[in-house]
């Protein structure tokens, strides 16, 4: 990889975070301001794009389940084509680009074409959801492991090759991306492999946006809710020993006197 000043053009794969422009890194904001062209996902639009400079050409290439979406081959071709014109290209991805964002396919296309690039990490929606709910993602003694799971395979259904022993471990914080449609089926499998339906869960919808919604519940109750709910907003699911955690009770700090 070389610097962004490379004469043949350069691609910055920029992580937009969950949607709040104040959660952009300084480097991400700088690349947006400098870009000649920005290829952006649906979930990385809105106020984040206000950071773009007036010279930037904005191209929507988002993918959303059940909606018309840009094909990955088309996105790859746009990245390579604009970079070969000597342009500073930003590929703007929601959350952290390296987590369930099809980053590798774009890296392969750029590498095969000899296009220099950089990856700028960002705040994943898992971290943003936990922070919004006032929760840690790990917990001393009771949640020493953190795992990320996709709830959708390439067909949009629950993956068939799930490691049930790992995701039904009650001592782990599990984060499910793209799992609203498949969570009822996932919850059935979790219960069959020993995870209690009463396990605390957090559903975070539209994290980082003004209409953000947080629902503190249980795995069983969330599965029922998802069974009867039509998905309209991006959401993320966390479950494990954290969702009802009270740090005052664990540390022995007394409740304030009323």
Protein backbone atom coordinates (compact mmCIF):
# COMPACT_ATOMS: atom_id res chain seq x y z
CA UNK A 1 0.00 0.00 0.00
CA UNK A 2 1.13 3.55 -0.66
CA UNK A 3 0.06 6.99 0.46
CA UNK A 4 -3.17 8.71 -0.68
CA UNK A 5 -1.07 11.00 -2.91
CA UNK A 6 -0.30 8.11 -5.33
CA UNK A 7 -0.56 9.49 -8.90
CA UNK A 8 -2.70 6.61 -10.22
CA UNK A 9 -5.48 7.21 -7.74
CA UNK A 10 -6.13 5.79 -4.31
CA UNK A 11 -8.99 4.09 -2.50
CA UNK A 12 -9.77 4.68 1.16
CA UNK A 13 -12.11 2.06 2.62
CA UNK A 14 -13.65 4.20 5.32
CA UNK A 15 -15.72 2.99 8.26
CA UNK A 16 -18.61 5.37 8.91
CA UNK A 17 -19.57 4.04 12.33
CA UNK A 18 -23.24 3.51 13.19
CA UNK A 19 -24.49 6.77 11.68
CA UNK A 20 -23.66 9.53 14.15
CA UNK A 21 -21.09 11.78 12.41
CA UNK A 22 -19.54 12.60 15.80
CA UNK A 23 -18.41 8.96 16.01
CA UNK A 24 -16.31 9.25 12.85
CA UNK A 25 -12.56 9.08 13.39
CA UNK A 26 -10.55 12.17 12.50
CA UNK A 27 -8.92 10.28 9.64
CA UNK A 28 -12.32 9.19 8.28
CA UNK A 29 -13.62 12.77 8.35
CA UNK A 30 -10.47 14.01 6.62
CA UNK A 31 -10.73 11.43 3.83
CA UNK A 32 -14.38 12.37 3.25
CA UNK A 33 -13.44 16.05 2.99
CA UNK A 34 -10.65 15.29 0.49
CA UNK A 35 -12.43 12.73 -1.69
CA UNK A 36 -13.13 13.19 -5.39
CA UNK A 37 -15.75 10.43 -5.36
CA UNK A 38 -17.56 8.66 -2.52
CA UNK A 39 -19.27 5.31 -2.98
CA UNK A 40 -21.56 4.97 0.03
CA UNK A 41 -23.79 2.36 1.62
CA UNK A 42 -27.41 3.16 2.59
CA UNK A 43 -26.51 2.88 6.28
CA UNK A 44 -23.51 5.18 5.82
CA UNK A 45 -25.43 8.09 4.34
CA UNK A 46 -27.38 10.90 5.99
CA UNK A 47 -25.44 13.30 8.24
CA UNK A 48 -22.17 11.40 7.70
CA UNK A 49 -22.12 12.58 4.09
CA UNK A 50 -22.23 16.18 5.28
CA UNK A 51 -18.50 15.71 5.88
CA UNK A 52 -17.90 15.37 2.13
CA UNK A 53 -16.27 18.27 0.31
CA UNK A 54 -18.15 20.23 -2.40
CA UNK A 55 -15.98 18.61 -5.08
CA UNK A 56 -17.06 15.07 -4.22
CA UNK A 57 -19.22 13.01 -6.55
CA UNK A 58 -21.60 10.91 -4.42
CA UNK A 59 -22.62 7.47 -5.66
CA UNK A 60 -25.07 5.25 -3.75
CA UNK A 61 -24.10 1.58 -3.85
CA UNK A 62 -25.99 0.27 -0.83
CA UNK A 63 -27.30 -3.23 -0.28
CA UNK A 64 -30.45 -3.83 1.75
CA UNK A 65 -32.27 -7.11 2.21
CA UNK A 66 -35.47 -7.29 0.17
CA UNK A 67 -34.69 -4.12 -1.80
CA UNK A 68 -33.05 -3.43 -5.16
CA UNK A 69 -29.30 -3.34 -4.47
CA UNK A 70 -26.04 -2.72 -6.27
CA UNK A 71 -24.29 -5.91 -7.28
CA UNK A 72 -20.89 -6.42 -5.69
CA UNK A 73 -19.25 -6.81 -9.11
CA UNK A 74 -20.58 -3.36 -10.08
CA UNK A 75 -19.23 -1.81 -6.88
CA UNK A 76 -15.82 -3.39 -7.50
CA UNK A 77 -15.77 -2.06 -11.07
CA UNK A 78 -16.62 1.47 -9.89
CA UNK A 79 -13.82 1.43 -7.32
CA UNK A 80 -11.24 0.30 -9.86
CA UNK A 81 -12.52 2.53 -12.65
CA UNK A 82 -12.51 5.76 -10.65
CA UNK A 83 -9.12 5.02 -9.11
CA UNK A 84 -7.63 4.38 -12.56
CA UNK A 85 -8.72 7.90 -13.50
CA UNK A 86 -6.37 9.18 -10.79
CA UNK A 87 -9.18 10.07 -8.38
CA UNK A 88 -9.21 9.92 -4.60
CA UNK A 89 -11.95 7.40 -3.94
CA UNK A 90 -13.69 6.77 -0.62
CA UNK A 91 -15.64 3.56 -0.18
CA UNK A 92 -17.86 4.46 2.77
CA UNK A 93 -19.15 1.49 4.76
CA UNK A 94 -21.39 1.49 7.82
CA UNK A 95 -20.11 0.43 11.23
CA UNK A 96 -16.62 -1.03 10.98
CA UNK A 97 -15.78 -2.00 7.41
CA UNK A 98 -14.16 -5.25 8.46
CA UNK A 99 -17.22 -6.71 10.21
CA UNK A 100 -19.76 -8.35 7.87
CA UNK A 101 -19.24 -5.65 5.26
CA UNK A 102 -17.95 -7.72 2.30
CA UNK A 103 -14.68 -5.85 2.63
CA UNK A 104 -12.55 -8.74 1.42
CA UNK A 105 -14.20 -8.89 -1.98
CA UNK A 106 -13.35 -5.25 -2.61
CA UNK A 107 -9.80 -5.70 -1.36
CA UNK A 108 -9.29 -8.59 -3.77
CA UNK A 109 -10.59 -6.50 -6.69
CA UNK A 110 -8.29 -3.60 -5.82
CA UNK A 111 -5.28 -5.86 -5.32
CA UNK A 112 -5.87 -7.68 -8.60
CA UNK A 113 -6.08 -4.31 -10.39
CA UNK A 114 -2.94 -2.97 -8.71
CA UNK A 115 -4.85 -0.11 -7.02
CA UNK A 116 -3.31 1.18 -3.77
CA UNK A 117 -5.67 1.38 -0.80
CA UNK A 118 -6.01 1.86 2.93
CA UNK A 119 -8.53 0.63 5.49
CA UNK A 120 -9.78 3.08 8.12
CA UNK A 121 -11.44 1.27 11.03
CA UNK A 122 -14.45 2.64 12.86
CA UNK A 123 -16.98 2.18 15.64
CA UNK A 124 -18.94 -1.02 15.10
CA UNK A 125 -22.66 -0.98 15.85
CA UNK A 126 -22.00 -3.58 18.56
CA UNK A 127 -19.91 -1.10 20.53
CA UNK A 128 -22.33 1.73 19.81
CA UNK A 129 -25.36 -0.29 20.94
CA UNK A 130 -23.71 -1.34 24.18
CA UNK A 131 -22.57 2.22 24.88
CA UNK A 132 -26.05 3.62 24.18
CA UNK A 133 -27.50 1.12 26.65
CA UNK A 134 -24.85 1.90 29.26
CA UNK A 135 -23.35 -1.61 29.12
CA UNK A 136 -19.89 -3.11 28.71
CA UNK A 137 -19.39 -5.82 26.13
CA UNK A 138 -17.17 -7.86 28.41
CA UNK A 139 -17.45 -8.43 32.12
CA UNK A 140 -14.89 -9.62 34.63
CA UNK A 141 -15.50 -13.23 35.72
CA UNK A 142 -18.80 -13.74 33.89
CA UNK A 143 -18.28 -12.62 30.28
CA UNK A 144 -14.67 -13.15 29.31
CA UNK A 145 -15.41 -13.73 25.64
CA UNK A 146 -17.12 -11.63 23.00
CA UNK A 147 -18.35 -13.13 19.72
CA UNK A 148 -19.95 -11.69 16.59
CA UNK A 149 -22.39 -13.72 14.53
CA UNK A 150 -24.22 -13.03 11.30
CA UNK A 151 -27.86 -14.04 11.34
CA UNK A 152 -28.06 -14.21 7.54
CA UNK A 153 -26.17 -16.22 4.96
CA UNK A 154 -25.97 -15.31 1.27
CA UNK A 155 -29.62 -16.33 0.85
CA UNK A 156 -30.79 -14.18 3.77
CA UNK A 157 -31.56 -17.22 5.92
CA UNK A 158 -29.98 -18.41 9.14
CA UNK A 159 -26.61 -20.06 8.34
CA UNK A 160 -26.69 -23.84 8.61
CA UNK A 161 -23.13 -24.35 9.86
CA UNK A 162 -23.55 -22.58 13.22
CA UNK A 163 -21.33 -23.58 16.13
CA UNK A 164 -24.22 -24.03 18.56
CA UNK A 165 -22.00 -24.87 21.53
CA UNK A 166 -20.23 -21.53 21.16
CA UNK A 167 -23.25 -19.30 20.67
CA UNK A 168 -25.29 -21.05 23.39
CA UNK A 169 -22.51 -20.52 25.94
CA UNK A 170 -24.16 -18.56 28.81
CA UNK A 171 -20.84 -16.99 29.84
CA UNK A 172 -20.30 -15.15 26.57
CA UNK A 173 -21.57 -11.88 25.15
CA UNK A 174 -22.94 -12.69 21.70
CA UNK A 175 -23.74 -10.03 19.12
CA UNK A 176 -25.98 -10.94 16.19
CA UNK A 177 -25.75 -8.80 13.07
CA UNK A 178 -28.50 -8.92 10.42
CA UNK A 179 -30.51 -11.29 12.59
CA UNK A 180 -33.98 -9.78 12.99
CA UNK A 181 -35.67 -12.10 10.48
CA UNK A 182 -33.86 -15.22 11.58
CA UNK A 183 -33.77 -14.66 15.35
CA UNK A 184 -36.89 -16.74 16.16
CA UNK A 185 -35.24 -19.76 14.51
CA UNK A 186 -31.91 -18.92 16.13
CA UNK A 187 -33.57 -18.71 19.55
CA UNK A 188 -35.11 -22.16 19.07
CA UNK A 189 -31.66 -23.57 18.42
CA UNK A 190 -30.20 -21.75 21.41
CA UNK A 191 -32.83 -23.20 23.73
CA UNK A 192 -32.32 -26.68 22.25
CA UNK A 193 -28.63 -26.39 23.05
CA UNK A 194 -29.15 -25.34 26.65
CA UNK A 195 -29.34 -21.55 26.69
CA UNK A 196 -32.25 -20.47 28.93
CA UNK A 197 -35.00 -18.44 27.28
CA UNK A 198 -34.65 -16.06 30.24
CA UNK A 199 -31.11 -15.06 29.15
CA UNK A 200 -30.95 -11.25 29.04
CA UNK A 201 -31.03 -9.69 25.58
CA UNK A 202 -30.81 -6.22 24.11
CA UNK A 203 -32.29 -5.21 20.78
CA UNK A 204 -30.89 -1.96 19.39
CA UNK A 205 -32.59 -0.45 16.35
CA UNK A 206 -31.20 2.41 14.23
CA UNK A 207 -28.19 2.82 16.52
CA UNK A 208 -26.56 6.23 16.25
CA UNK A 209 -29.56 7.86 14.60
CA UNK A 210 -32.08 10.30 16.14
CA UNK A 211 -34.82 7.62 16.10
CA UNK A 212 -32.65 5.04 17.88
CA UNK A 213 -34.62 2.50 19.94
CA UNK A 214 -33.30 0.19 22.66
CA UNK A 215 -35.33 -2.75 23.96
CA UNK A 216 -34.11 -4.62 27.06
CA UNK A 217 -35.70 -8.05 27.14
CA UNK A 218 -34.86 -11.76 27.13
CA UNK A 219 -33.96 -14.20 24.38
CA UNK A 220 -37.38 -15.84 24.58
CA UNK A 221 -39.37 -12.61 24.61
CA UNK A 222 -37.27 -11.11 21.82
CA UNK A 223 -37.87 -14.16 19.63
CA UNK A 224 -41.62 -13.69 20.04
CA UNK A 225 -41.33 -10.00 19.30
CA UNK A 226 -39.31 -10.66 16.16
CA UNK A 227 -41.80 -13.30 15.02
CA UNK A 228 -44.55 -10.69 14.83
CA UNK A 229 -42.52 -7.65 13.75
CA UNK A 230 -41.85 -6.50 10.20
CA UNK A 231 -38.25 -5.33 9.79
CA UNK A 232 -38.12 -1.68 8.73
CA UNK A 233 -34.93 -0.41 10.40
CA UNK A 234 -31.43 -1.88 10.75
CA UNK A 235 -30.99 -3.52 14.13
CA UNK A 236 -28.52 -5.50 16.19
CA UNK A 237 -29.08 -8.07 18.93
CA UNK A 238 -26.94 -8.70 22.00
CA UNK A 239 -27.51 -11.49 24.49
CA UNK A 240 -25.62 -12.96 27.40
CA UNK A 241 -24.86 -12.03 31.03
CA UNK A 242 -24.74 -8.27 30.43
CA UNK A 243 -28.09 -6.85 29.45
CA UNK A 244 -29.50 -6.42 32.96
CA UNK A 245 -26.13 -5.77 34.59
CA UNK A 246 -26.10 -3.23 37.45
CA UNK A 247 -22.50 -2.14 38.13
CA UNK A 248 -23.51 -0.72 41.55
CA UNK A 249 -24.72 -4.11 42.74
CA UNK A 250 -21.63 -5.94 41.48
CA UNK A 251 -19.18 -3.47 42.99
CA UNK A 252 -21.06 -3.15 46.26
CA UNK A 253 -21.66 0.56 45.75
CA UNK A 254 -24.74 1.53 47.77
CA UNK A 255 -27.78 2.95 46.04
CA UNK A 256 -28.15 6.72 46.50
CA UNK A 257 -30.49 7.79 49.29
CA UNK A 258 -33.81 9.08 48.01
